[in-house]
Amino acid sequence: MDLLSGDISLLVFRRIQQKNAKTISFDSQTLKMLVEIDGKRNLSQIAQYTGLKMNKIREVVSRLIGLNLVEPVVPATNSINPEFFQYLQAQLSLAIGPLASILIQDAVNDLGHIKTAFPKSHAPELIEILSRDIQDDEERSVFTQNMINRLKGE
């Protein structure tokens, strides 16, 4: 199956460093995409930021792949289970309320990752960062313990 067929919104690409750079001319949309492709954000996030429609993004990414300027990021095999983030949000929401999802996304971004390919090895650090936002000592302790127990099951 072709990489760019179907839903491409969650695909992540990174730029490829060219040793023998050649002169290539780009239209503004292609240049905008090349600048925004960073190996971390998925195409949906880039579409939101650039305002480009997904069909145009598909076209541009296809061209960039053909020019050997970008490649897909293969998710790490040791990525955290997506259900972990659902549990994390539920637990953090109990402690601090509706801002939990925003704090989680900010912490994930601060650690230089995306939720869809978040490494298990960074989960303890994420939990520690988020626990700092819980003011009540007992709630912080319960949150931390629940999350540690969940990590042991991952």
N, C-alpha and C. Protein backbone atom coordinates (compact mmCIF):
# COMPACT_ATOMS: atom_id res chain seq x y z
N MET A 1 0.85 -1.19 0.00
CA MET A 1 0.00 0.00 0.00
C MET A 1 0.88 1.24 0.00
N ASP A 2 0.52 2.21 -0.79
CA ASP A 2 1.27 3.45 -0.91
C ASP A 2 1.21 4.22 0.40
N LEU A 3 2.36 4.75 0.82
CA LEU A 3 2.47 5.50 2.07
C LEU A 3 1.50 6.66 2.14
N LEU A 4 1.26 7.33 1.03
CA LEU A 4 0.43 8.53 1.04
C LEU A 4 -1.02 8.27 0.62
N SER A 5 -1.44 7.01 0.62
CA SER A 5 -2.84 6.73 0.35
C SER A 5 -3.59 6.66 1.67
N GLY A 6 -4.87 6.88 1.63
CA GLY A 6 -5.67 6.84 2.85
C GLY A 6 -5.45 8.08 3.71
N ASP A 7 -5.68 7.90 5.00
CA ASP A 7 -5.54 9.01 5.96
C ASP A 7 -4.07 9.24 6.27
N ILE A 8 -3.56 10.40 5.91
CA ILE A 8 -2.15 10.71 6.13
C ILE A 8 -1.96 11.69 7.29
N SER A 9 -3.04 12.08 7.93
CA SER A 9 -2.98 13.15 8.92
C SER A 9 -2.04 12.87 10.10
N LEU A 10 -1.85 11.61 10.47
CA LEU A 10 -1.01 11.30 11.62
C LEU A 10 0.43 10.94 11.25
N LEU A 11 0.75 10.98 9.96
CA LEU A 11 2.11 10.68 9.53
C LEU A 11 3.05 11.81 9.93
N VAL A 12 4.26 11.43 10.30
CA VAL A 12 5.30 12.38 10.69
C VAL A 12 6.48 12.19 9.74
N PHE A 13 7.01 13.30 9.26
CA PHE A 13 8.15 13.27 8.34
C PHE A 13 9.29 14.11 8.90
N ARG A 14 10.50 13.79 8.46
CA ARG A 14 11.67 14.61 8.81
C ARG A 14 12.43 14.92 7.53
N ARG A 15 13.17 16.01 7.59
CA ARG A 15 13.98 16.40 6.44
C ARG A 15 15.21 15.49 6.35
N ILE A 16 15.66 15.27 5.14
CA ILE A 16 16.88 14.49 4.89
C ILE A 16 17.98 15.47 4.53
N GLN A 17 19.11 15.35 5.19
CA GLN A 17 20.24 16.22 4.89
C GLN A 17 20.87 15.79 3.57
N GLN A 18 21.06 16.73 2.68
CA GLN A 18 21.63 16.46 1.37
C GLN A 18 23.13 16.77 1.41
N LYS A 19 23.93 15.80 1.00
CA LYS A 19 25.38 16.00 0.96
C LYS A 19 25.78 16.81 -0.27
N ASN A 20 25.19 16.48 -1.39
CA ASN A 20 25.46 17.18 -2.64
C ASN A 20 24.22 17.98 -3.01
N ALA A 21 24.04 19.07 -2.31
CA ALA A 21 22.83 19.87 -2.53
C ALA A 21 22.81 20.42 -3.95
N LYS A 22 21.64 20.28 -4.55
CA LYS A 22 21.45 20.83 -5.89
C LYS A 22 20.42 21.95 -5.80
N THR A 23 20.41 22.80 -6.78
CA THR A 23 19.47 23.91 -6.78
C THR A 23 18.11 23.41 -7.23
N ILE A 24 17.13 23.63 -6.35
CA ILE A 24 15.76 23.23 -6.64
C ILE A 24 14.88 24.44 -6.38
N SER A 25 13.97 24.72 -7.27
CA SER A 25 13.08 25.84 -7.00
C SER A 25 11.76 25.30 -6.48
N PHE A 26 11.20 26.02 -5.51
CA PHE A 26 9.96 25.62 -4.87
C PHE A 26 8.93 26.72 -4.98
N ASP A 27 7.66 26.32 -5.06
CA ASP A 27 6.60 27.31 -4.91
C ASP A 27 6.47 27.59 -3.41
N SER A 28 5.71 28.61 -3.06
CA SER A 28 5.64 29.04 -1.66
C SER A 28 5.05 27.96 -0.75
N GLN A 29 4.08 27.19 -1.25
CA GLN A 29 3.47 26.16 -0.41
C GLN A 29 4.45 25.02 -0.14
N THR A 30 5.23 24.64 -1.13
CA THR A 30 6.21 23.58 -0.95
C THR A 30 7.29 24.03 0.02
N LEU A 31 7.75 25.25 -0.13
CA LEU A 31 8.76 25.78 0.78
C LEU A 31 8.22 25.87 2.21
N LYS A 32 6.97 26.31 2.35
CA LYS A 32 6.34 26.39 3.66
C LYS A 32 6.30 25.02 4.32
N MET A 33 5.93 24.00 3.56
CA MET A 33 5.87 22.64 4.09
C MET A 33 7.25 22.14 4.49
N LEU A 34 8.23 22.37 3.64
CA LEU A 34 9.59 21.90 3.93
C LEU A 34 10.13 22.54 5.21
N VAL A 35 9.81 23.79 5.42
CA VAL A 35 10.24 24.48 6.64
C VAL A 35 9.55 23.88 7.87
N GLU A 36 8.28 23.53 7.75
CA GLU A 36 7.51 23.05 8.90
C GLU A 36 7.74 21.58 9.24
N ILE A 37 8.20 20.80 8.30
CA ILE A 37 8.46 19.39 8.57
C ILE A 37 9.67 19.30 9.49
N ASP A 38 9.42 18.75 10.70
CA ASP A 38 10.47 18.77 11.72
C ASP A 38 10.73 17.42 12.39
N GLY A 39 10.06 16.37 11.93
CA GLY A 39 10.27 15.07 12.53
C GLY A 39 9.50 14.84 13.82
N LYS A 40 8.72 15.83 14.23
CA LYS A 40 7.96 15.72 15.48
C LYS A 40 6.47 15.88 15.25
N ARG A 41 6.10 16.90 14.48
CA ARG A 41 4.67 17.18 14.27
C ARG A 41 4.12 16.33 13.14
N ASN A 42 2.88 15.88 13.31
CA ASN A 42 2.26 15.11 12.24
C ASN A 42 1.67 16.07 11.20
N LEU A 43 1.25 15.51 10.08
CA LEU A 43 0.76 16.34 8.98
C LEU A 43 -0.50 17.12 9.34
N SER A 44 -1.31 16.59 10.22
CA SER A 44 -2.50 17.31 10.67
C SER A 44 -2.10 18.59 11.43
N GLN A 45 -1.11 18.47 12.29
CA GLN A 45 -0.64 19.64 13.03
C GLN A 45 -0.03 20.67 12.09
N ILE A 46 0.71 20.21 11.11
CA ILE A 46 1.32 21.12 10.13
C ILE A 46 0.23 21.78 9.29
N ALA A 47 -0.80 21.03 8.94
CA ALA A 47 -1.92 21.60 8.17
C ALA A 47 -2.60 22.72 8.95
N GLN A 48 -2.81 22.50 10.23
CA GLN A 48 -3.42 23.53 11.07
C GLN A 48 -2.56 24.78 11.10
N TYR A 49 -1.26 24.60 11.26
CA TYR A 49 -0.35 25.73 11.37
C TYR A 49 -0.22 26.50 10.06
N THR A 50 -0.14 25.76 8.94
CA THR A 50 0.09 26.41 7.65
C THR A 50 -1.18 26.85 6.96
N GLY A 51 -2.31 26.25 7.34
CA GLY A 51 -3.56 26.56 6.68
C GLY A 51 -3.75 25.83 5.36
N LEU A 52 -2.84 24.91 5.05
CA LEU A 52 -2.96 24.14 3.81
C LEU A 52 -3.95 23.00 3.99
N LYS A 53 -4.66 22.67 2.94
CA LYS A 53 -5.61 21.56 2.95
C LYS A 53 -4.84 20.25 2.80
N MET A 54 -5.41 19.17 3.32
CA MET A 54 -4.72 17.89 3.32
C MET A 54 -4.41 17.37 1.92
N ASN A 55 -5.29 17.66 0.93
CA ASN A 55 -4.99 17.20 -0.44
C ASN A 55 -3.75 17.91 -0.99
N LYS A 56 -3.55 19.18 -0.65
CA LYS A 56 -2.35 19.92 -1.08
C LYS A 56 -1.13 19.39 -0.34
N ILE A 57 -1.30 19.10 0.94
CA ILE A 57 -0.18 18.56 1.73
C ILE A 57 0.25 17.21 1.15
N ARG A 58 -0.70 16.38 0.77
CA ARG A 58 -0.38 15.09 0.16
C ARG A 58 0.46 15.29 -1.10
N GLU A 59 0.05 16.23 -1.92
CA GLU A 59 0.75 16.54 -3.17
C GLU A 59 2.18 17.03 -2.90
N VAL A 60 2.30 17.95 -1.95
CA VAL A 60 3.60 18.54 -1.64
C VAL A 60 4.54 17.50 -1.02
N VAL A 61 4.03 16.71 -0.09
CA VAL A 61 4.87 15.69 0.56
C VAL A 61 5.32 14.66 -0.47
N SER A 62 4.44 14.31 -1.38
CA SER A 62 4.80 13.37 -2.44
C SER A 62 5.97 13.92 -3.26
N ARG A 63 5.90 15.20 -3.58
CA ARG A 63 6.98 15.83 -4.35
C ARG A 63 8.28 15.84 -3.54
N LEU A 64 8.19 16.18 -2.25
CA LEU A 64 9.38 16.23 -1.41
C LEU A 64 10.02 14.85 -1.23
N ILE A 65 9.18 13.82 -1.16
CA ILE A 65 9.70 12.45 -1.09
C ILE A 65 10.41 12.11 -2.40
N GLY A 66 9.78 12.47 -3.51
CA GLY A 66 10.38 12.21 -4.82
C GLY A 66 11.72 12.90 -5.01
N LEU A 67 11.88 14.05 -4.40
CA LEU A 67 13.14 14.78 -4.47
C LEU A 67 14.14 14.31 -3.41
N ASN A 68 13.73 13.32 -2.62
CA ASN A 68 14.56 12.78 -1.55
C ASN A 68 14.94 13.85 -0.52
N LEU A 69 13.97 14.71 -0.21
CA LEU A 69 14.20 15.77 0.78
C LEU A 69 13.55 15.46 2.13
N VAL A 70 12.57 14.56 2.14
CA VAL A 70 11.93 14.16 3.40
C VAL A 70 11.73 12.65 3.40
N GLU A 71 11.60 12.12 4.62
CA GLU A 71 11.32 10.70 4.79
C GLU A 71 10.40 10.54 5.99
N PRO A 72 9.62 9.45 6.00
CA PRO A 72 8.73 9.24 7.14
C PRO A 72 9.52 8.87 8.39
N VAL A 73 9.01 9.30 9.52
CA VAL A 73 9.59 8.91 10.80
C VAL A 73 8.89 7.62 11.20
N VAL A 74 9.67 6.60 11.42
CA VAL A 74 9.12 5.32 11.84
C VAL A 74 8.94 5.38 13.35
N PRO A 75 7.70 5.17 13.82
CA PRO A 75 7.48 5.23 15.26
C PRO A 75 8.37 4.22 15.99
N ALA A 76 8.89 4.64 17.09
CA ALA A 76 9.74 3.77 17.90
C ALA A 76 8.93 2.57 18.38
N THR A 77 9.56 1.43 18.40
CA THR A 77 8.87 0.23 18.84
C THR A 77 8.60 0.27 20.33
N ASN A 78 9.30 1.12 21.02
CA ASN A 78 9.10 1.22 22.46
C ASN A 78 8.25 2.44 22.82
N SER A 79 7.33 2.77 21.94
CA SER A 79 6.42 3.89 22.22
C SER A 79 5.38 3.47 23.24
N ILE A 80 4.95 4.44 24.00
CA ILE A 80 3.93 4.19 25.02
C ILE A 80 2.60 3.89 24.35
N ASN A 81 1.82 3.05 24.95
CA ASN A 81 0.50 2.68 24.47
C ASN A 81 -0.40 3.93 24.49
N PRO A 82 -1.17 4.18 23.43
CA PRO A 82 -2.05 5.36 23.41
C PRO A 82 -3.04 5.40 24.58
N GLU A 83 -3.42 4.24 25.08
CA GLU A 83 -4.34 4.19 26.22
C GLU A 83 -3.71 4.78 27.49
N PHE A 84 -2.39 4.79 27.53
CA PHE A 84 -1.69 5.39 28.65
C PHE A 84 -2.08 6.87 28.79
N PHE A 85 -2.16 7.57 27.65
CA PHE A 85 -2.50 8.99 27.68
C PHE A 85 -3.95 9.22 28.11
N GLN A 86 -4.82 8.31 27.77
CA GLN A 86 -6.21 8.43 28.24
C GLN A 86 -6.25 8.29 29.76
N TYR A 87 -5.53 7.32 30.27
CA TYR A 87 -5.48 7.10 31.71
C TYR A 87 -4.80 8.30 32.40
N LEU A 88 -3.72 8.76 31.81
CA LEU A 88 -3.00 9.92 32.36
C LEU A 88 -3.92 11.13 32.45
N GLN A 89 -4.67 11.39 31.40
CA GLN A 89 -5.57 12.53 31.40
C GLN A 89 -6.66 12.36 32.46
N ALA A 90 -7.20 11.16 32.57
CA ALA A 90 -8.24 10.91 33.58
C ALA A 90 -7.69 11.14 34.99
N GLN A 91 -6.52 10.64 35.26
CA GLN A 91 -5.92 10.78 36.59
C GLN A 91 -5.57 12.24 36.89
N LEU A 92 -4.99 12.92 35.92
CA LEU A 92 -4.62 14.31 36.13
C LEU A 92 -5.86 15.19 36.26
N SER A 93 -6.90 14.88 35.52
CA SER A 93 -8.17 15.62 35.61
C SER A 93 -8.78 15.51 37.00
N LEU A 94 -8.65 14.35 37.61
CA LEU A 94 -9.16 14.19 38.99
C LEU A 94 -8.45 15.13 39.95
N ALA A 95 -7.18 15.37 39.68
CA ALA A 95 -6.38 16.19 40.59
C ALA A 95 -6.47 17.68 40.29
N ILE A 96 -6.55 18.06 39.03
CA ILE A 96 -6.49 19.49 38.71
C ILE A 96 -7.63 20.01 37.85
N GLY A 97 -8.46 19.11 37.32
CA GLY A 97 -9.61 19.56 36.55
C GLY A 97 -9.37 19.59 35.06
N PRO A 98 -10.15 20.41 34.35
CA PRO A 98 -10.21 20.37 32.89
C PRO A 98 -8.95 20.85 32.16
N LEU A 99 -8.01 21.43 32.85
CA LEU A 99 -6.77 21.88 32.18
C LEU A 99 -5.81 20.72 31.93
N ALA A 100 -6.16 19.54 32.39
CA ALA A 100 -5.26 18.39 32.30
C ALA A 100 -4.77 18.15 30.87
N SER A 101 -5.66 18.15 29.90
CA SER A 101 -5.26 17.83 28.52
C SER A 101 -4.27 18.85 27.98
N ILE A 102 -4.46 20.10 28.32
CA ILE A 102 -3.55 21.16 27.87
C ILE A 102 -2.18 20.99 28.50
N LEU A 103 -2.17 20.70 29.81
CA LEU A 103 -0.89 20.51 30.51
C LEU A 103 -0.13 19.30 29.98
N ILE A 104 -0.87 18.25 29.66
CA ILE A 104 -0.23 17.05 29.11
C ILE A 104 0.40 17.36 27.76
N GLN A 105 -0.36 18.01 26.88
CA GLN A 105 0.18 18.34 25.56
C GLN A 105 1.40 19.25 25.67
N ASP A 106 1.34 20.24 26.56
CA ASP A 106 2.48 21.14 26.76
C ASP A 106 3.71 20.38 27.26
N ALA A 107 3.50 19.46 28.20
CA ALA A 107 4.63 18.69 28.75
C ALA A 107 5.23 17.77 27.69
N VAL A 108 4.37 17.14 26.89
CA VAL A 108 4.86 16.28 25.81
C VAL A 108 5.69 17.11 24.83
N ASN A 109 5.18 18.28 24.47
CA ASN A 109 5.92 19.17 23.56
C ASN A 109 7.23 19.63 24.17
N ASP A 110 7.21 19.99 25.45
CA ASP A 110 8.42 20.45 26.13
C ASP A 110 9.50 19.37 26.14
N LEU A 111 9.07 18.11 26.19
CA LEU A 111 10.02 17.00 26.17
C LEU A 111 10.50 16.68 24.75
N GLY A 112 9.93 17.38 23.76
CA GLY A 112 10.36 17.22 22.38
C GLY A 112 9.79 16.01 21.68
N HIS A 113 8.57 15.61 22.08
CA HIS A 113 7.96 14.42 21.49
C HIS A 113 6.54 14.74 21.04
N ILE A 114 5.91 13.73 20.47
CA ILE A 114 4.49 13.79 20.15
C ILE A 114 3.83 12.59 20.82
N LYS A 115 2.55 12.71 21.11
CA LYS A 115 1.85 11.64 21.82
C LYS A 115 1.86 10.32 21.04
N THR A 116 1.74 10.39 19.73
CA THR A 116 1.63 9.17 18.93
C THR A 116 2.92 8.37 18.86
N ALA A 117 4.04 8.94 19.26
CA ALA A 117 5.32 8.22 19.26
C ALA A 117 6.10 8.57 20.51
N PHE A 118 5.41 8.63 21.64
CA PHE A 118 6.07 9.01 22.89
C PHE A 118 6.82 7.81 23.46
N PRO A 119 8.13 7.95 23.71
CA PRO A 119 8.91 6.81 24.19
C PRO A 119 8.58 6.45 25.64
N LYS A 120 8.48 5.15 25.89
CA LYS A 120 8.22 4.66 27.26
C LYS A 120 9.27 5.18 28.23
N SER A 121 10.49 5.29 27.76
CA SER A 121 11.59 5.69 28.64
C SER A 121 11.42 7.10 29.20
N HIS A 122 10.58 7.92 28.57
CA HIS A 122 10.37 9.29 29.04
C HIS A 122 9.09 9.44 29.85
N ALA A 123 8.33 8.36 30.00
CA ALA A 123 7.07 8.42 30.75
C ALA A 123 7.27 8.83 32.21
N PRO A 124 8.28 8.29 32.92
CA PRO A 124 8.47 8.75 34.31
C PRO A 124 8.74 10.25 34.41
N GLU A 125 9.51 10.77 33.47
CA GLU A 125 9.80 12.21 33.46
C GLU A 125 8.52 13.01 33.20
N LEU A 126 7.68 12.53 32.29
CA LEU A 126 6.41 13.19 32.01
C LEU A 126 5.53 13.22 33.25
N ILE A 127 5.45 12.10 33.95
CA ILE A 127 4.65 12.02 35.17
C ILE A 127 5.18 12.99 36.22
N GLU A 128 6.48 13.05 36.35
CA GLU A 128 7.09 13.94 37.35
C GLU A 128 6.79 15.40 37.01
N ILE A 129 6.91 15.77 35.75
CA ILE A 129 6.62 17.15 35.33
C ILE A 129 5.17 17.50 35.63
N LEU A 130 4.26 16.60 35.27
CA LEU A 130 2.84 16.87 35.48
C LEU A 130 2.47 16.90 36.96
N SER A 131 3.14 16.10 37.76
CA SER A 131 2.83 16.08 39.19
C SER A 131 3.13 17.42 39.85
N ARG A 132 4.05 18.18 39.29
CA ARG A 132 4.39 19.51 39.84
C ARG A 132 3.20 20.47 39.79
N ASP A 133 2.25 20.21 38.89
CA ASP A 133 1.08 21.08 38.75
C ASP A 133 -0.02 20.75 39.76
N ILE A 134 0.17 19.71 40.54
CA ILE A 134 -0.82 19.32 41.54
C ILE A 134 -0.41 19.94 42.88
N GLN A 135 -1.22 20.86 43.36
CA GLN A 135 -0.87 21.61 44.57
C GLN A 135 -0.99 20.78 45.85
N ASP A 136 -2.04 19.98 45.95
CA ASP A 136 -2.30 19.19 47.15
C ASP A 136 -1.33 18.00 47.22
N ASP A 137 -0.60 17.88 48.34
CA ASP A 137 0.39 16.82 48.49
C ASP A 137 -0.21 15.43 48.39
N GLU A 138 -1.38 15.23 49.01
CA GLU A 138 -2.00 13.91 48.98
C GLU A 138 -2.46 13.56 47.56
N GLU A 139 -3.07 14.52 46.87
CA GLU A 139 -3.51 14.27 45.49
C GLU A 139 -2.31 14.00 44.58
N ARG A 140 -1.21 14.73 44.81
CA ARG A 140 0.00 14.51 44.03
C ARG A 140 0.53 13.10 44.25
N SER A 141 0.53 12.65 45.50
CA SER A 141 1.01 11.32 45.84
C SER A 141 0.13 10.24 45.19
N VAL A 142 -1.19 10.40 45.26
CA VAL A 142 -2.11 9.44 44.65
C VAL A 142 -1.91 9.39 43.14
N PHE A 143 -1.81 10.55 42.52
CA PHE A 143 -1.59 10.63 41.07
C PHE A 143 -0.30 9.90 40.70
N THR A 144 0.78 10.23 41.39
CA THR A 144 2.08 9.63 41.07
C THR A 144 2.03 8.11 41.24
N GLN A 145 1.46 7.65 42.34
CA GLN A 145 1.39 6.21 42.59
C GLN A 145 0.54 5.49 41.54
N ASN A 146 -0.60 6.07 41.19
CA ASN A 146 -1.46 5.47 40.16
C ASN A 146 -0.73 5.38 38.82
N MET A 147 0.00 6.43 38.49
CA MET A 147 0.69 6.43 37.21
C MET A 147 1.88 5.46 37.22
N ILE A 148 2.57 5.35 38.31
CA ILE A 148 3.67 4.39 38.41
C ILE A 148 3.12 2.97 38.26
N ASN A 149 2.02 2.69 38.93
CA ASN A 149 1.40 1.37 38.80
C ASN A 149 0.98 1.09 37.37
N ARG A 150 0.47 2.09 36.69
CA ARG A 150 0.06 1.93 35.29
C ARG A 150 1.29 1.66 34.41
N LEU A 151 2.39 2.37 34.68
CA LEU A 151 3.61 2.17 33.89
C LEU A 151 4.14 0.74 34.04
N LYS A 152 4.01 0.20 35.24
CA LYS A 152 4.50 -1.17 35.46
C LYS A 152 3.74 -2.15 34.58
N GLY A 153 2.50 -1.83 34.25
CA GLY A 153 1.70 -2.70 33.40
C GLY A 153 1.91 -2.49 31.91
N GLU A 154 2.66 -1.46 31.54
CA GLU A 154 2.88 -1.14 30.12
C GLU A 154 3.81 -2.14 29.49
